[in-house]
Structure formats: C-alpha cells, structure tokens
Amino acid sequence: MKKGMLLNRELNEVIASMGHLDYLIVCDAGFPIPNDVKRIDLALKKDVPDLETVLSLIADDFVAEKIYVAQEVETNNAPLFQKVQRIFPGVEIGTMEHQTILSEMARKAKAIVRTGAFDPWGNIILQSGVHVPQWFDKPGIIVPDYYKDKL
C-alpha cells in the first residue's frame, strides 16, 4: 500500500508523470477547464475540498520550482496568497494576468485539478522542478548557481 497521504489515483499518476517545467493547475470550482486538458475533478460541494487541503497534499509529493497566481491574489485575496507561501516555503511566486491563467496557461497544463473552492482568483499554477539534492548528488557534478540555494 502507498505510504504517502495522497490517495487519489489520477492525481498520483499525473504527479509521477510530470517533467521539469511542466505545469499543474490547482483551481477553484469555477475554472473553465478546456476539454482537451486532463481534468482531475475533486469538487464535492462548496469548499470541499478546499485549495489549502489539496495544495498541502500535493506539496508532499511534488517538487514546485515556481508558482504562479493571478496578479490580484496578493492584494485581493491575501489569505490565499499567504497559504500558498506557507505550503510552498522558499518557492518563488510569480504573477500573471488572470485571463492568461484562464486561457493560455490552462491549455499548456499537463493537468488541471478542480477543487470545490469558492475562492476568488483561486487558480494556482505549479511549475514542476527537480529535487536538487537528488539530481546533483554524484561526485564531480557542478551545481548551477541558480540551484545552489536549494541544496
């Protein structure tokens, strides 16, 4: 039996298939998911499950190199922004236009995880990274400067 806390088969498969720089979007209940992108629908009812729960479980199994949120999140939904910072400590959080997340980035995502969250601008893009200590652990390998702070 699996040791980790994340039990959803589809979500485990997507995380296992992620490559460096792939995108995984964890979204609120109202996100317009394109038909041709893999949908993992966890939504049951308002705020079940919520973004914090789903992001926390994903964080245990996923290496995020960078995270993107809508430009409005930091000022208009500060509690969500603070949760993302807490769940992914040390990971750079960038912003982009909300419309770009809803359209262009949604089409680029490897998968979109729909939560039951009723959370304004609650659409979080996780950019897959590498686990630096594991990738750069062999003798003679030089760690690039941009990864040194991850050791």
C-alpha atoms as a PDB file:
ATOM      1  CA  MET A   1       0.000   0.000   0.000  1.00  0.00           C
ATOM      2  CA  LYS A   2       1.117   3.567  -0.678  1.00  0.00           C
ATOM      3  CA  LYS A   3       2.956   5.248   2.179  1.00  0.00           C
ATOM      4  CA  GLY A   4       2.052   8.891   1.458  1.00  0.00           C
ATOM      5  CA  MET A   5      -1.179  10.676   2.322  1.00  0.00           C
ATOM      6  CA  LEU A   6      -2.286  11.428  -1.244  1.00  0.00           C
ATOM      7  CA  LEU A   7      -4.630   8.603  -2.237  1.00  0.00           C
ATOM      8  CA  ASN A   8      -6.258   9.833  -5.467  1.00  0.00           C
ATOM      9  CA  ARG A   9      -5.027   7.520  -8.245  1.00  0.00           C
ATOM     10  CA  GLU A  10      -5.357  10.048 -11.068  1.00  0.00           C
ATOM     11  CA  LEU A  11      -3.533  12.762  -9.147  1.00  0.00           C
ATOM     12  CA  ASN A  12      -0.728  10.385  -8.195  1.00  0.00           C
ATOM     13  CA  GLU A  13      -0.358   9.365 -11.849  1.00  0.00           C
ATOM     14  CA  VAL A  14      -0.151  12.966 -13.020  1.00  0.00           C
ATOM     15  CA  ILE A  15       2.429  13.918 -10.402  1.00  0.00           C
ATOM     16  CA  ALA A  16       4.517  10.860 -11.310  1.00  0.00           C
ATOM     17  CA  SER A  17       4.378  11.829 -14.997  1.00  0.00           C
ATOM     18  CA  MET A  18       5.444  15.457 -14.518  1.00  0.00           C
ATOM     19  CA  GLY A  19       8.690  16.551 -16.126  1.00  0.00           C
ATOM     20  CA  HIS A  20      10.833  19.593 -15.464  1.00  0.00           C
ATOM     21  CA  LEU A  21       8.910  22.797 -16.294  1.00  0.00           C
ATOM     22  CA  ASP A  22       5.538  21.046 -16.816  1.00  0.00           C
ATOM     23  CA  TYR A  23       2.503  22.836 -15.381  1.00  0.00           C
ATOM     24  CA  LEU A  24      -0.109  21.530 -12.982  1.00  0.00           C
ATOM     25  CA  ILE A  25      -3.011  23.855 -12.188  1.00  0.00           C
ATOM     26  CA  VAL A  26      -4.962  23.515  -8.962  1.00  0.00           C
ATOM     27  CA  CYS A  27      -8.109  25.570  -9.417  1.00  0.00           C
ATOM     28  CA  ASP A  28     -11.295  26.707  -7.786  1.00  0.00           C
ATOM     29  CA  ALA A  29     -14.730  25.314  -8.586  1.00  0.00           C
ATOM     30  CA  GLY A  30     -15.455  27.832 -11.345  1.00  0.00           C
ATOM     31  CA  PHE A  31     -12.345  27.419 -13.505  1.00  0.00           C
ATOM     32  CA  PRO A  32     -13.098  26.896 -17.228  1.00  0.00           C
ATOM     33  CA  ILE A  33     -11.153  23.689 -17.913  1.00  0.00           C
ATOM     34  CA  PRO A  34     -10.512  23.126 -21.633  1.00  0.00           C
ATOM     35  CA  ASN A  35     -11.960  19.855 -22.974  1.00  0.00           C
ATOM     36  CA  ASP A  36      -8.596  18.656 -24.281  1.00  0.00           C
ATOM     37  CA  VAL A  37      -6.699  19.010 -20.967  1.00  0.00           C
ATOM     38  CA  LYS A  38      -6.703  16.217 -18.374  1.00  0.00           C
ATOM     39  CA  ARG A  39      -9.227  17.052 -15.655  1.00  0.00           C
ATOM     40  CA  ILE A  40      -8.987  15.658 -12.149  1.00  0.00           C
ATOM     41  CA  ASP A  41     -12.251  16.709 -10.567  1.00  0.00           C
ATOM     42  CA  LEU A  42     -12.174  16.523  -6.777  1.00  0.00           C
ATOM     43  CA  ALA A  43     -15.025  19.003  -6.179  1.00  0.00           C
ATOM     44  CA  LEU A  44     -17.848  17.707  -3.963  1.00  0.00           C
ATOM     45  CA  LYS A  45     -19.555  20.854  -2.673  1.00  0.00           C
ATOM     46  CA  LYS A  46     -18.690  24.444  -1.783  1.00  0.00           C
ATOM     47  CA  ASP A  47     -15.157  24.467  -0.343  1.00  0.00           C
ATOM     48  CA  VAL A  48     -14.890  20.659  -0.225  1.00  0.00           C
ATOM     49  CA  PRO A  49     -12.112  20.030  -0.752  1.00  0.00           C
ATOM     50  CA  ASP A  50     -10.579  23.466  -0.326  1.00  0.00           C
ATOM     51  CA  LEU A  51      -7.426  24.735  -2.010  1.00  0.00           C
ATOM     52  CA  GLU A  52      -5.330  24.552   1.141  1.00  0.00           C
ATOM     53  CA  THR A  53      -6.044  20.851   1.669  1.00  0.00           C
ATOM     54  CA  VAL A  54      -5.359  19.891  -1.941  1.00  0.00           C
ATOM     55  CA  LEU A  55      -2.242  22.059  -2.276  1.00  0.00           C
ATOM     56  CA  SER A  56      -0.848  20.706   1.021  1.00  0.00           C
ATOM     57  CA  LEU A  57      -1.272  17.109  -0.098  1.00  0.00           C
ATOM     58  CA  ILE A  58       0.265  17.827  -3.493  1.00  0.00           C
ATOM     59  CA  ALA A  59       3.200  19.656  -1.857  1.00  0.00           C
ATOM     60  CA  ASP A  60       4.166  16.449  -0.055  1.00  0.00           C
ATOM     61  CA  ASP A  61       4.738  14.627  -3.373  1.00  0.00           C
ATOM     62  CA  PHE A  62       5.507  17.405  -5.875  1.00  0.00           C
ATOM     63  CA  VAL A  63       8.628  19.496  -6.470  1.00  0.00           C
ATOM     64  CA  ALA A  64       7.495  23.001  -7.382  1.00  0.00           C
ATOM     65  CA  GLU A  65      10.183  25.125  -8.988  1.00  0.00           C
ATOM     66  CA  LYS A  66       7.944  28.172  -9.349  1.00  0.00           C
ATOM     67  CA  ILE A  67       4.326  29.040  -8.660  1.00  0.00           C
ATOM     68  CA  TYR A  68       2.107  31.489 -10.500  1.00  0.00           C
ATOM     69  CA  VAL A  69      -1.008  33.208  -9.213  1.00  0.00           C
ATOM     70  CA  ALA A  70      -3.231  35.916 -10.654  1.00  0.00           C
ATOM     71  CA  GLN A  71      -1.983  39.474 -10.182  1.00  0.00           C
ATOM     72  CA  GLU A  72      -4.970  40.202  -7.959  1.00  0.00           C
ATOM     73  CA  VAL A  73      -4.279  37.478  -5.410  1.00  0.00           C
ATOM     74  CA  GLU A  74      -1.677  39.190  -3.229  1.00  0.00           C
ATOM     75  CA  THR A  75      -3.884  42.241  -2.603  1.00  0.00           C
ATOM     76  CA  ASN A  76      -7.439  40.983  -3.183  1.00  0.00           C
ATOM     77  CA  ASN A  77      -7.117  37.521  -1.624  1.00  0.00           C
ATOM     78  CA  ALA A  78      -4.202  37.900   0.798  1.00  0.00           C
ATOM     79  CA  PRO A  79      -5.246  34.851   2.900  1.00  0.00           C
ATOM     80  CA  LEU A  80      -4.858  32.591  -0.157  1.00  0.00           C
ATOM     81  CA  PHE A  81      -1.513  34.159  -1.061  1.00  0.00           C
ATOM     82  CA  GLN A  82      -0.256  33.556   2.488  1.00  0.00           C
ATOM     83  CA  LYS A  83      -1.428  29.924   2.380  1.00  0.00           C
ATOM     84  CA  VAL A  84       0.481  29.319  -0.854  1.00  0.00           C
ATOM     85  CA  GLN A  85       3.612  30.857   0.685  1.00  0.00           C
ATOM     86  CA  ARG A  86       3.260  28.669   3.779  1.00  0.00           C
ATOM     87  CA  ILE A  87       2.574  25.453   1.857  1.00  0.00           C
ATOM     88  CA  PHE A  88       5.479  26.007  -0.557  1.00  0.00           C
ATOM     89  CA  PRO A  89       8.160  27.745   1.543  1.00  0.00           C
ATOM     90  CA  GLY A  90      11.106  29.071  -0.423  1.00  0.00           C
ATOM     91  CA  VAL A  91       9.397  28.644  -3.796  1.00  0.00           C
ATOM     92  CA  GLU A  92       9.266  31.781  -5.931  1.00  0.00           C
ATOM     93  CA  ILE A  93       5.733  33.022  -6.553  1.00  0.00           C
ATOM     94  CA  GLY A  94       5.183  34.947  -9.757  1.00  0.00           C
ATOM     95  CA  THR A  95       2.059  36.639 -11.012  1.00  0.00           C
ATOM     96  CA  MET A  96       0.288  36.879 -14.331  1.00  0.00           C
ATOM     97  CA  GLU A  97      -2.946  38.254 -15.684  1.00  0.00           C
ATOM     98  CA  HIS A  98      -5.932  36.233 -14.540  1.00  0.00           C
ATOM     99  CA  GLN A  99      -7.198  35.948 -18.117  1.00  0.00           C
ATOM    100  CA  THR A 100      -3.861  34.406 -19.156  1.00  0.00           C
ATOM    101  CA  ILE A 101      -4.259  31.728 -16.472  1.00  0.00           C
ATOM    102  CA  LEU A 102      -7.830  31.010 -17.605  1.00  0.00           C
ATOM    103  CA  SER A 103      -6.904  30.678 -21.271  1.00  0.00           C
ATOM    104  CA  GLU A 104      -3.301  30.276 -22.393  1.00  0.00           C
ATOM    105  CA  MET A 105      -1.944  28.575 -19.266  1.00  0.00           C
ATOM    106  CA  ALA A 106      -4.963  26.276 -18.968  1.00  0.00           C
ATOM    107  CA  ARG A 107      -4.166  24.910 -22.431  1.00  0.00           C
ATOM    108  CA  LYS A 108      -0.478  24.431 -21.533  1.00  0.00           C
ATOM    109  CA  ALA A 109      -1.169  22.485 -18.332  1.00  0.00           C
ATOM    110  CA  LYS A 110      -0.424  18.785 -18.163  1.00  0.00           C
ATOM    111  CA  ALA A 111      -3.491  18.513 -15.934  1.00  0.00           C
ATOM    112  CA  ILE A 112      -5.942  20.671 -14.022  1.00  0.00           C
ATOM    113  CA  VAL A 113      -7.122  19.680 -10.555  1.00  0.00           C
ATOM    114  CA  ARG A 114     -10.556  21.128  -9.770  1.00  0.00           C
ATOM    115  CA  THR A 115     -11.302  21.666  -6.101  1.00  0.00           C
ATOM    116  CA  GLY A 116     -14.568  22.705  -4.513  1.00  0.00           C
ATOM    117  CA  ALA A 117     -13.039  26.038  -3.510  1.00  0.00           C
ATOM    118  CA  PHE A 118     -15.133  29.156  -3.740  1.00  0.00           C
ATOM    119  CA  ASP A 119     -12.005  31.293  -3.580  1.00  0.00           C
ATOM    120  CA  PRO A 120     -11.688  34.435  -5.736  1.00  0.00           C
ATOM    121  CA  TRP A 121      -8.668  34.136  -8.065  1.00  0.00           C
ATOM    122  CA  GLY A 122      -8.122  30.660  -6.601  1.00  0.00           C
ATOM    123  CA  ASN A 123      -6.228  29.248  -9.565  1.00  0.00           C
ATOM    124  CA  ILE A 124      -2.686  28.214  -8.729  1.00  0.00           C
ATOM    125  CA  ILE A 125      -0.147  27.150 -11.351  1.00  0.00           C
ATOM    126  CA  LEU A 126       2.561  24.810 -10.091  1.00  0.00           C
ATOM    127  CA  GLN A 127       5.619  24.608 -12.340  1.00  0.00           C
ATOM    128  CA  SER A 128       7.389  21.303 -11.914  1.00  0.00           C
ATOM    129  CA  GLY A 129      11.007  21.350 -10.853  1.00  0.00           C
ATOM    130  CA  VAL A 130      13.750  18.953  -9.900  1.00  0.00           C
ATOM    131  CA  HIS A 131      14.687  17.770  -6.423  1.00  0.00           C
ATOM    132  CA  VAL A 132      18.107  19.418  -6.434  1.00  0.00           C
ATOM    133  CA  PRO A 133      19.748  17.321  -3.679  1.00  0.00           C
ATOM    134  CA  GLN A 134      18.838  14.120  -5.553  1.00  0.00           C
ATOM    135  CA  TRP A 135      19.787  15.337  -9.037  1.00  0.00           C
ATOM    136  CA  PHE A 136      23.148  16.816  -8.019  1.00  0.00           C
ATOM    137  CA  ASP A 137      24.377  14.200  -5.531  1.00  0.00           C
ATOM    138  CA  LYS A 138      27.010  12.447  -7.624  1.00  0.00           C
ATOM    139  CA  PRO A 139      30.711  13.247  -7.226  1.00  0.00           C
ATOM    140  CA  GLY A 140      32.066  15.663  -9.815  1.00  0.00           C
ATOM    141  CA  ILE A 141      28.694  17.222 -10.678  1.00  0.00           C
ATOM    142  CA  ILE A 142      28.740  21.015 -10.587  1.00  0.00           C
ATOM    143  CA  VAL A 143      25.581  22.591  -9.229  1.00  0.00           C
ATOM    144  CA  PRO A 144      24.493  25.641 -11.248  1.00  0.00           C
ATOM    145  CA  ASP A 145      24.356  28.893  -9.272  1.00  0.00           C
ATOM    146  CA  TYR A 146      20.572  29.114  -9.668  1.00  0.00           C
ATOM    147  CA  TYR A 147      20.185  25.814  -7.774  1.00  0.00           C
ATOM    148  CA  LYS A 148      22.784  26.303  -5.035  1.00  0.00           C
ATOM    149  CA  ASP A 149      20.283  27.764  -2.570  1.00  0.00           C
ATOM    150  CA  LYS A 150      18.167  24.587  -2.948  1.00  0.00           C
ATOM    151  CA  LEU A 151      20.909  22.335  -1.562  1.00  0.00           C
END
